[in-house]
Amino acid sequence: MLHFVTHSSDASKPYCLLTAITVMALAAKIHGTDKAVMKAGYRMLARLKPQYVPVVLRIMNAPAPLAHMNQFVATLPDHILTMKLTTSARPLQNAG
């Protein structure tokens, strides 16, 4: 799934903050290292909307990016986690 998000065929569409946070949170959960969170954030920067770059950079440049990411996710408001998408999600490609 992470590979699909970071290597999407639609290279012109910018990512929203929720996509970047989701990718970084998954990296934190799966790998559990500062380096994984930083690398995931770095991969998101190129296609992230400019207004969200400082948020991702703040997480990446924290003294402990993993702890910062975990705290960020723990304090996300519920309305962000339950918000409705304006477009349908893409189906998984090459799943299986």
PDB file of N, CA and C in Angstrom:
ATOM      1  N   MET A   1       0.827  -1.197   0.000  1.00  0.00           N
ATOM      2  CA  MET A   1       0.000   0.000   0.000  1.00  0.00           C
ATOM      3  C   MET A   1       0.868   1.256   0.000  1.00  0.00           C
ATOM      4  N   LEU A   2       1.888   1.288   0.860  1.00  0.00           N
ATOM      5  CA  LEU A   2       2.759   2.457   0.885  1.00  0.00           C
ATOM      6  C   LEU A   2       3.418   2.660  -0.464  1.00  0.00           C
ATOM      7  N   HIS A   3       3.808   1.557  -1.109  1.00  0.00           N
ATOM      8  CA  HIS A   3       4.438   1.668  -2.420  1.00  0.00           C
ATOM      9  C   HIS A   3       3.478   2.310  -3.413  1.00  0.00           C
ATOM     10  N   PHE A   4       2.200   1.949  -3.360  1.00  0.00           N
ATOM     11  CA  PHE A   4       1.216   2.517  -4.276  1.00  0.00           C
ATOM     12  C   PHE A   4       1.053   4.015  -4.044  1.00  0.00           C
ATOM     13  N   VAL A   5       1.017   4.436  -2.790  1.00  0.00           N
ATOM     14  CA  VAL A   5       0.845   5.859  -2.483  1.00  0.00           C
ATOM     15  C   VAL A   5       2.066   6.653  -2.911  1.00  0.00           C
ATOM     16  N   THR A   6       3.257   6.128  -2.633  1.00  0.00           N
ATOM     17  CA  THR A   6       4.470   6.882  -2.929  1.00  0.00           C
ATOM     18  C   THR A   6       4.912   6.760  -4.379  1.00  0.00           C
ATOM     19  N   HIS A   7       4.388   5.775  -5.116  1.00  0.00           N
ATOM     20  CA  HIS A   7       4.761   5.589  -6.513  1.00  0.00           C
ATOM     21  C   HIS A   7       3.526   5.547  -7.406  1.00  0.00           C
ATOM     22  N   SER A   8       2.594   6.425  -7.172  1.00  0.00           N
ATOM     23  CA  SER A   8       1.350   6.473  -7.928  1.00  0.00           C
ATOM     24  C   SER A   8       1.613   6.863  -9.376  1.00  0.00           C
ATOM     25  N   SER A   9       0.764   6.375 -10.284  1.00  0.00           N
ATOM     26  CA  SER A   9       0.920   6.711 -11.698  1.00  0.00           C
ATOM     27  C   SER A   9       0.462   8.137 -11.996  1.00  0.00           C
ATOM     28  N   ASP A  10      -0.324   8.741 -11.112  1.00  0.00           N
ATOM     29  CA  ASP A  10      -0.810  10.110 -11.299  1.00  0.00           C
ATOM     30  C   ASP A  10       0.156  11.073 -10.615  1.00  0.00           C
ATOM     31  N   ALA A  11       1.275  11.357 -11.285  1.00  0.00           N
ATOM     32  CA  ALA A  11       2.356  12.116 -10.662  1.00  0.00           C
ATOM     33  C   ALA A  11       2.071  13.614 -10.543  1.00  0.00           C
ATOM     34  N   SER A  12       1.019  14.116 -11.167  1.00  0.00           N
ATOM     35  CA  SER A  12       0.785  15.556 -11.138  1.00  0.00           C
ATOM     36  C   SER A  12      -0.114  16.004  -9.986  1.00  0.00           C
ATOM     37  N   LYS A  13      -0.843  15.093  -9.379  1.00  0.00           N
ATOM     38  CA  LYS A  13      -1.792  15.458  -8.332  1.00  0.00           C
ATOM     39  C   LYS A  13      -1.079  15.585  -6.985  1.00  0.00           C
ATOM     40  N   PRO A  14      -1.204  16.736  -6.316  1.00  0.00           N
ATOM     41  CA  PRO A  14      -0.529  16.900  -5.014  1.00  0.00           C
ATOM     42  C   PRO A  14      -1.235  16.122  -3.911  1.00  0.00           C
ATOM     43  N   TYR A  15      -0.462  15.747  -2.904  1.00  0.00           N
ATOM     44  CA  TYR A  15      -1.011  15.038  -1.749  1.00  0.00           C
ATOM     45  C   TYR A  15      -1.589  16.028  -0.752  1.00  0.00           C
ATOM     46  N   CYS A  16      -2.613  15.594  -0.040  1.00  0.00           N
ATOM     47  CA  CYS A  16      -3.140  16.393   1.060  1.00  0.00           C
ATOM     48  C   CYS A  16      -2.385  16.004   2.329  1.00  0.00           C
ATOM     49  N   LEU A  17      -2.574  16.763   3.382  1.00  0.00           N
ATOM     50  CA  LEU A  17      -1.872  16.505   4.635  1.00  0.00           C
ATOM     51  C   LEU A  17      -2.269  15.155   5.222  1.00  0.00           C
ATOM     52  N   LEU A  18      -3.525  14.784   5.099  1.00  0.00           N
ATOM     53  CA  LEU A  18      -3.982  13.514   5.662  1.00  0.00           C
ATOM     54  C   LEU A  18      -3.254  12.328   5.032  1.00  0.00           C
ATOM     55  N   THR A  19      -2.991  12.401   3.735  1.00  0.00           N
ATOM     56  CA  THR A  19      -2.248  11.333   3.063  1.00  0.00           C
ATOM     57  C   THR A  19      -0.834  11.241   3.608  1.00  0.00           C
ATOM     58  N   ALA A  20      -0.167  12.377   3.735  1.00  0.00           N
ATOM     59  CA  ALA A  20       1.205  12.384   4.251  1.00  0.00           C
ATOM     60  C   ALA A  20       1.263  11.873   5.684  1.00  0.00           C
ATOM     61  N   ILE A  21       0.334  12.303   6.513  1.00  0.00           N
ATOM     62  CA  ILE A  21       0.305  11.862   7.912  1.00  0.00           C
ATOM     63  C   ILE A  21       0.027  10.366   7.985  1.00  0.00           C
ATOM     64  N   THR A  22      -0.862   9.874   7.135  1.00  0.00           N
ATOM     65  CA  THR A  22      -1.169   8.444   7.122  1.00  0.00           C
ATOM     66  C   THR A  22       0.057   7.624   6.746  1.00  0.00           C
ATOM     67  N   VAL A  23       0.767   8.051   5.718  1.00  0.00           N
ATOM     68  CA  VAL A  23       1.975   7.337   5.292  1.00  0.00           C
ATOM     69  C   VAL A  23       3.024   7.355   6.403  1.00  0.00           C
ATOM     70  N   MET A  24       3.223   8.508   7.025  1.00  0.00           N
ATOM     71  CA  MET A  24       4.216   8.608   8.101  1.00  0.00           C
ATOM     72  C   MET A  24       3.794   7.798   9.327  1.00  0.00           C
ATOM     73  N   ALA A  25       2.498   7.781   9.624  1.00  0.00           N
ATOM     74  CA  ALA A  25       2.009   6.999  10.767  1.00  0.00           C
ATOM     75  C   ALA A  25       2.166   5.506  10.511  1.00  0.00           C
ATOM     76  N   LEU A  26       1.915   5.080   9.281  1.00  0.00           N
ATOM     77  CA  LEU A  26       2.117   3.671   8.942  1.00  0.00           C
ATOM     78  C   LEU A  26       3.590   3.288   9.043  1.00  0.00           C
ATOM     79  N   ALA A  27       4.467   4.170   8.592  1.00  0.00           N
ATOM     80  CA  ALA A  27       5.905   3.901   8.716  1.00  0.00           C
ATOM     81  C   ALA A  27       6.301   3.795  10.185  1.00  0.00           C
ATOM     82  N   ALA A  28       5.731   4.654  11.016  1.00  0.00           N
ATOM     83  CA  ALA A  28       6.019   4.605  12.456  1.00  0.00           C
ATOM     84  C   ALA A  28       5.530   3.297  13.057  1.00  0.00           C
ATOM     85  N   LYS A  29       4.339   2.880  12.674  1.00  0.00           N
ATOM     86  CA  LYS A  29       3.750   1.653  13.224  1.00  0.00           C
ATOM     87  C   LYS A  29       4.481   0.407  12.731  1.00  0.00           C
ATOM     88  N   ILE A  30       4.778   0.359  11.442  1.00  0.00           N
ATOM     89  CA  ILE A  30       5.395  -0.831  10.850  1.00  0.00           C
ATOM     90  C   ILE A  30       6.862  -0.971  11.251  1.00  0.00           C
ATOM     91  N   HIS A  31       7.624   0.119  11.123  1.00  0.00           N
ATOM     92  CA  HIS A  31       9.064   0.037  11.346  1.00  0.00           C
ATOM     93  C   HIS A  31       9.484   0.447  12.754  1.00  0.00           C
ATOM     94  N   GLY A  32       8.766   1.393  13.330  1.00  0.00           N
ATOM     95  CA  GLY A  32       9.057   1.806  14.699  1.00  0.00           C
ATOM     96  C   GLY A  32      10.389   2.499  14.892  1.00  0.00           C
ATOM     97  N   THR A  33      10.855   3.226  13.868  1.00  0.00           N
ATOM     98  CA  THR A  33      12.133   3.938  13.995  1.00  0.00           C
ATOM     99  C   THR A  33      11.989   5.387  13.547  1.00  0.00           C
ATOM    100  N   ASP A  34      12.864   6.233  14.083  1.00  0.00           N
ATOM    101  CA  ASP A  34      12.908   7.637  13.663  1.00  0.00           C
ATOM    102  C   ASP A  34      13.235   7.736  12.177  1.00  0.00           C
ATOM    103  N   LYS A  35      14.167   6.911  11.732  1.00  0.00           N
ATOM    104  CA  LYS A  35      14.613   6.949  10.344  1.00  0.00           C
ATOM    105  C   LYS A  35      13.463   6.649   9.379  1.00  0.00           C
ATOM    106  N   ALA A  36      12.623   5.689   9.717  1.00  0.00           N
ATOM    107  CA  ALA A  36      11.490   5.335   8.852  1.00  0.00           C
ATOM    108  C   ALA A  36      10.504   6.493   8.730  1.00  0.00           C
ATOM    109  N   VAL A  37      10.237   7.170   9.840  1.00  0.00           N
ATOM    110  CA  VAL A  37       9.321   8.316   9.821  1.00  0.00           C
ATOM    111  C   VAL A  37       9.913   9.434   8.970  1.00  0.00           C
ATOM    112  N   MET A  38      11.204   9.685   9.136  1.00  0.00           N
ATOM    113  CA  MET A  38      11.859  10.742   8.363  1.00  0.00           C
ATOM    114  C   MET A  38      11.864  10.423   6.866  1.00  0.00           C
ATOM    115  N   LYS A  39      12.173   9.182   6.503  1.00  0.00           N
ATOM    116  CA  LYS A  39      12.205   8.802   5.092  1.00  0.00           C
ATOM    117  C   LYS A  39      10.812   8.885   4.461  1.00  0.00           C
ATOM    118  N   ALA A  40       9.797   8.461   5.197  1.00  0.00           N
ATOM    119  CA  ALA A  40       8.430   8.545   4.680  1.00  0.00           C
ATOM    120  C   ALA A  40       8.033  10.006   4.463  1.00  0.00           C
ATOM    121  N   GLY A  41       8.368  10.865   5.409  1.00  0.00           N
ATOM    122  CA  GLY A  41       8.080  12.286   5.266  1.00  0.00           C
ATOM    123  C   GLY A  41       8.806  12.900   4.088  1.00  0.00           C
ATOM    124  N   TYR A  42      10.068  12.515   3.922  1.00  0.00           N
ATOM    125  CA  TYR A  42      10.866  13.036   2.812  1.00  0.00           C
ATOM    126  C   TYR A  42      10.238  12.654   1.469  1.00  0.00           C
ATOM    127  N   ARG A  43       9.737  11.439   1.371  1.00  0.00           N
ATOM    128  CA  ARG A  43       9.111  10.992   0.120  1.00  0.00           C
ATOM    129  C   ARG A  43       7.824  11.756  -0.180  1.00  0.00           C
ATOM    130  N   MET A  44       7.168  12.249   0.850  1.00  0.00           N
ATOM    131  CA  MET A  44       5.913  12.973   0.669  1.00  0.00           C
ATOM    132  C   MET A  44       6.140  14.431   0.269  1.00  0.00           C
ATOM    133  N   LEU A  45       7.273  15.005   0.640  1.00  0.00           N
ATOM    134  CA  LEU A  45       7.505  16.443   0.462  1.00  0.00           C
ATOM    135  C   LEU A  45       7.358  16.926  -0.973  1.00  0.00           C
ATOM    136  N   ALA A  46       7.865  16.177  -1.930  1.00  0.00           N
ATOM    137  CA  ALA A  46       7.880  16.639  -3.318  1.00  0.00           C
ATOM    138  C   ALA A  46       6.479  16.884  -3.876  1.00  0.00           C
ATOM    139  N   ARG A  47       5.504  16.098  -3.455  1.00  0.00           N
ATOM    140  CA  ARG A  47       4.152  16.241  -4.002  1.00  0.00           C
ATOM    141  C   ARG A  47       3.151  16.773  -2.998  1.00  0.00           C
ATOM    142  N   LEU A  48       3.622  17.226  -1.866  1.00  0.00           N
ATOM    143  CA  LEU A  48       2.738  17.760  -0.838  1.00  0.00           C
ATOM    144  C   LEU A  48       2.331  19.185  -1.186  1.00  0.00           C
ATOM    145  N   LYS A  49       1.102  19.543  -0.882  1.00  0.00           N
ATOM    146  CA  LYS A  49       0.664  20.922  -1.094  1.00  0.00           C
ATOM    147  C   LYS A  49       1.559  21.837  -0.259  1.00  0.00           C
ATOM    148  N   PRO A  50       1.973  22.984  -0.814  1.00  0.00           N
ATOM    149  CA  PRO A  50       2.940  23.853  -0.129  1.00  0.00           C
ATOM    150  C   PRO A  50       2.534  24.288   1.276  1.00  0.00           C
ATOM    151  N   GLN A  51       1.253  24.474   1.520  1.00  0.00           N
ATOM    152  CA  GLN A  51       0.833  24.930   2.843  1.00  0.00           C
ATOM    153  C   GLN A  51       1.023  23.861   3.915  1.00  0.00           C
ATOM    154  N   TYR A  52       1.218  22.598   3.515  1.00  0.00           N
ATOM    155  CA  TYR A  52       1.380  21.519   4.490  1.00  0.00           C
ATOM    156  C   TYR A  52       2.836  21.111   4.711  1.00  0.00           C
ATOM    157  N   VAL A  53       3.740  21.621   3.905  1.00  0.00           N
ATOM    158  CA  VAL A  53       5.157  21.264   4.033  1.00  0.00           C
ATOM    159  C   VAL A  53       5.704  21.565   5.430  1.00  0.00           C
ATOM    160  N   PRO A  54       5.413  22.730   6.032  1.00  0.00           N
ATOM    161  CA  PRO A  54       5.950  22.997   7.377  1.00  0.00           C
ATOM    162  C   PRO A  54       5.513  21.978   8.431  1.00  0.00           C
ATOM    163  N   VAL A  55       4.311  21.436   8.301  1.00  0.00           N
ATOM    164  CA  VAL A  55       3.828  20.445   9.273  1.00  0.00           C
ATOM    165  C   VAL A  55       4.675  19.179   9.184  1.00  0.00           C
ATOM    166  N   VAL A  56       4.910  18.704   7.969  1.00  0.00           N
ATOM    167  CA  VAL A  56       5.705  17.490   7.772  1.00  0.00           C
ATOM    168  C   VAL A  56       7.155  17.739   8.175  1.00  0.00           C
ATOM    169  N   LEU A  57       7.690  18.896   7.826  1.00  0.00           N
ATOM    170  CA  LEU A  57       9.070  19.214   8.212  1.00  0.00           C
ATOM    171  C   LEU A  57       9.225  19.299   9.726  1.00  0.00           C
ATOM    172  N   ARG A  58       8.212  19.805  10.413  1.00  0.00           N
ATOM    173  CA  ARG A  58       8.261  19.893  11.873  1.00  0.00           C
ATOM    174  C   ARG A  58       8.372  18.499  12.494  1.00  0.00           C
ATOM    175  N   ILE A  59       7.643  17.548  11.933  1.00  0.00           N
ATOM    176  CA  ILE A  59       7.715  16.169  12.429  1.00  0.00           C
ATOM    177  C   ILE A  59       9.079  15.568  12.098  1.00  0.00           C
ATOM    178  N   MET A  60       9.532  15.748  10.861  1.00  0.00           N
ATOM    179  CA  MET A  60      10.806  15.169  10.434  1.00  0.00           C
ATOM    180  C   MET A  60      11.991  15.731  11.202  1.00  0.00           C
ATOM    181  N   ASN A  61      11.961  17.012  11.516  1.00  0.00           N
ATOM    182  CA  ASN A  61      13.095  17.668  12.172  1.00  0.00           C
ATOM    183  C   ASN A  61      13.019  17.655  13.689  1.00  0.00           C
ATOM    184  N   ALA A  62      12.025  16.994  14.230  1.00  0.00           N
ATOM    185  CA  ALA A  62      11.910  16.886  15.689  1.00  0.00           C
ATOM    186  C   ALA A  62      13.087  16.063  16.228  1.00  0.00           C
ATOM    187  N   PRO A  63      13.488  16.303  17.482  1.00  0.00           N
ATOM    188  CA  PRO A  63      14.579  15.510  18.061  1.00  0.00           C
ATOM    189  C   PRO A  63      14.280  14.005  18.045  1.00  0.00           C
ATOM    190  N   ALA A  64      13.012  13.638  18.179  1.00  0.00           N
ATOM    191  CA  ALA A  64      12.597  12.228  18.129  1.00  0.00           C
ATOM    192  C   ALA A  64      11.367  12.131  17.219  1.00  0.00           C
ATOM    193  N   PRO A  65      11.569  11.997  15.902  1.00  0.00           N
ATOM    194  CA  PRO A  65      10.438  11.983  14.965  1.00  0.00           C
ATOM    195  C   PRO A  65       9.402  10.896  15.254  1.00  0.00           C
ATOM    196  N   LEU A  66       9.836   9.737  15.702  1.00  0.00           N
ATOM    197  CA  LEU A  66       8.895   8.657  16.003  1.00  0.00           C
ATOM    198  C   LEU A  66       7.967   9.051  17.150  1.00  0.00           C
ATOM    199  N   ALA A  67       8.528   9.571  18.218  1.00  0.00           N
ATOM    200  CA  ALA A  67       7.720  10.004  19.364  1.00  0.00           C
ATOM    201  C   ALA A  67       6.810  11.169  18.967  1.00  0.00           C
ATOM    202  N   HIS A  68       7.341  12.097  18.168  1.00  0.00           N
ATOM    203  CA  HIS A  68       6.548  13.243  17.712  1.00  0.00           C
ATOM    204  C   HIS A  68       5.374  12.768  16.849  1.00  0.00           C
ATOM    205  N   MET A  69       5.631  11.805  15.967  1.00  0.00           N
ATOM    206  CA  MET A  69       4.571  11.268  15.106  1.00  0.00           C
ATOM    207  C   MET A  69       3.509  10.564  15.934  1.00  0.00           C
ATOM    208  N   ASN A  70       3.936   9.765  16.898  1.00  0.00           N
ATOM    209  CA  ASN A  70       2.977   9.067  17.760  1.00  0.00           C
ATOM    210  C   ASN A  70       2.120  10.058  18.543  1.00  0.00           C
ATOM    211  N   GLN A  71       2.731  11.125  19.045  1.00  0.00           N
ATOM    212  CA  GLN A  71       1.983  12.148  19.781  1.00  0.00           C
ATOM    213  C   GLN A  71       1.026  12.896  18.854  1.00  0.00           C
ATOM    214  N   PHE A  72       1.486  13.190  17.646  1.00  0.00           N
ATOM    215  CA  PHE A  72       0.661  13.889  16.661  1.00  0.00           C
ATOM    216  C   PHE A  72      -0.593  13.077  16.353  1.00  0.00           C
ATOM    217  N   VAL A  73      -0.426  11.778  16.107  1.00  0.00           N
ATOM    218  CA  VAL A  73      -1.567  10.916  15.782  1.00  0.00           C
ATOM    219  C   VAL A  73      -2.488  10.758  16.988  1.00  0.00           C
ATOM    220  N   ALA A  74      -1.913  10.649  18.175  1.00  0.00           N
ATOM    221  CA  ALA A  74      -2.718  10.465  19.384  1.00  0.00           C
ATOM    222  C   ALA A  74      -3.599  11.674  19.672  1.00  0.00           C
ATOM    223  N   THR A  75      -3.181  12.857  19.232  1.00  0.00           N
ATOM    224  CA  THR A  75      -3.936  14.074  19.523  1.00  0.00           C
ATOM    225  C   THR A  75      -4.744  14.590  18.325  1.00  0.00           C
ATOM    226  N   LEU A  76      -4.827  13.803  17.255  1.00  0.00           N
ATOM    227  CA  LEU A  76      -5.644  14.218  16.112  1.00  0.00           C
ATOM    228  C   LEU A  76      -7.108  14.288  16.528  1.00  0.00           C
ATOM    229  N   PRO A  77      -7.806  15.335  16.150  1.00  0.00           N
ATOM    230  CA  PRO A  77      -9.238  15.410  16.459  1.00  0.00           C
ATOM    231  C   PRO A  77     -10.009  14.301  15.737  1.00  0.00           C
ATOM    232  N   ASP A  78     -11.054  13.809  16.365  1.00  0.00           N
ATOM    233  CA  ASP A  78     -11.848  12.725  15.783  1.00  0.00           C
ATOM    234  C   ASP A  78     -12.467  13.102  14.442  1.00  0.00           C
ATOM    235  N   HIS A  79     -12.797  14.384  14.249  1.00  0.00           N
ATOM    236  CA  HIS A  79     -13.438  14.762  12.987  1.00  0.00           C
ATOM    237  C   HIS A  79     -12.498  14.584  11.794  1.00  0.00           C
ATOM    238  N   ILE A  80     -11.202  14.627  12.028  1.00  0.00           N
ATOM    239  CA  ILE A  80     -10.254  14.396  10.936  1.00  0.00           C
ATOM    240  C   ILE A  80     -10.243  12.918  10.565  1.00  0.00           C
ATOM    241  N   LEU A  81     -10.294  12.066  11.569  1.00  0.00           N
ATOM    242  CA  LEU A  81     -10.249  10.631  11.312  1.00  0.00           C
ATOM    243  C   LEU A  81     -11.534  10.101  10.705  1.00  0.00           C
ATOM    244  N   THR A  82     -12.639  10.804  10.885  1.00  0.00           N
ATOM    245  CA  THR A  82     -13.923  10.329  10.365  1.00  0.00           C
ATOM    246  C   THR A  82     -14.451  11.183   9.217  1.00  0.00           C
ATOM    247  N   MET A  83     -13.639  12.088   8.684  1.00  0.00           N
ATOM    248  CA  MET A  83     -14.118  12.963   7.622  1.00  0.00           C
ATOM    249  C   MET A  83     -14.392  12.175   6.348  1.00  0.00           C
ATOM    250  N   LYS A  84     -15.357  12.657   5.594  1.00  0.00           N
ATOM    251  CA  LYS A  84     -15.724  12.011   4.344  1.00  0.00           C
ATOM    252  C   LYS A  84     -14.826  12.531   3.234  1.00  0.00           C
ATOM    253  N   LEU A  85     -14.413  11.625   2.376  1.00  0.00           N
ATOM    254  CA  LEU A  85     -13.577  11.999   1.246  1.00  0.00           C
ATOM    255  C   LEU A  85     -14.440  12.620   0.162  1.00  0.00           C
ATOM    256  N   THR A  86     -13.888  13.598  -0.554  1.00  0.00           N
ATOM    257  CA  THR A  86     -14.632  14.227  -1.639  1.00  0.00           C
ATOM    258  C   THR A  86     -14.550  13.400  -2.909  1.00  0.00           C
ATOM    259  N   THR A  87     -13.535  12.565  -3.030  1.00  0.00           N
ATOM    260  CA  THR A  87     -13.417  11.667  -4.173  1.00  0.00           C
ATOM    261  C   THR A  87     -13.239  10.253  -3.648  1.00  0.00           C
ATOM    262  N   SER A  88     -13.618   9.308  -4.458  1.00  0.00           N
ATOM    263  CA  SER A  88     -13.496   7.923  -4.015  1.00  0.00           C
ATOM    264  C   SER A  88     -12.034   7.505  -3.966  1.00  0.00           C
ATOM    265  N   ALA A  89     -11.735   6.596  -3.076  1.00  0.00           N
ATOM    266  CA  ALA A  89     -10.377   6.081  -2.949  1.00  0.00           C
ATOM    267  C   ALA A  89     -10.054   5.215  -4.153  1.00  0.00           C
ATOM    268  N   ARG A  90      -8.779   5.175  -4.489  1.00  0.00           N
ATOM    269  CA  ARG A  90      -8.356   4.334  -5.594  1.00  0.00           C
ATOM    270  C   ARG A  90      -8.332   2.877  -5.139  1.00  0.00           C
ATOM    271  N   PRO A  91      -8.712   1.964  -6.010  1.00  0.00           N
ATOM    272  CA  PRO A  91      -8.610   0.552  -5.633  1.00  0.00           C
ATOM    273  C   PRO A  91      -7.144   0.141  -5.573  1.00  0.00           C
ATOM    274  N   LEU A  92      -6.858  -0.836  -4.757  1.00  0.00           N
ATOM    275  CA  LEU A  92      -5.488  -1.331  -4.669  1.00  0.00           C
ATOM    276  C   LEU A  92      -5.091  -1.965  -5.995  1.00  0.00           C
ATOM    277  N   GLN A  93      -3.909  -1.634  -6.442  1.00  0.00           N
ATOM    278  CA  GLN A  93      -3.407  -2.243  -7.661  1.00  0.00           C
ATOM    279  C   GLN A  93      -2.351  -3.266  -7.286  1.00  0.00           C
ATOM    280  N   ASN A  94      -2.330  -4.355  -7.982  1.00  0.00           N
ATOM    281  CA  ASN A  94      -1.379  -5.438  -7.746  1.00  0.00           C
ATOM    282  C   ASN A  94      -1.492  -5.992  -6.340  1.00  0.00           C
ATOM    283  N   ALA A  95      -2.673  -5.962  -5.778  1.00  0.00           N
ATOM    284  CA  ALA A  95      -2.863  -6.516  -4.441  1.00  0.00           C
ATOM    285  C   ALA A  95      -3.090  -8.015  -4.573  1.00  0.00           C
ATOM    286  N   GLY A  96      -2.256  -8.754  -3.940  1.00  0.00           N
ATOM    287  CA  GLY A  96      -2.485 -10.189  -3.962  1.00  0.00           C
ATOM    288  C   GLY A  96      -1.368 -10.948  -4.410  1.00  0.00           C
TER     289      GLY A  96
END
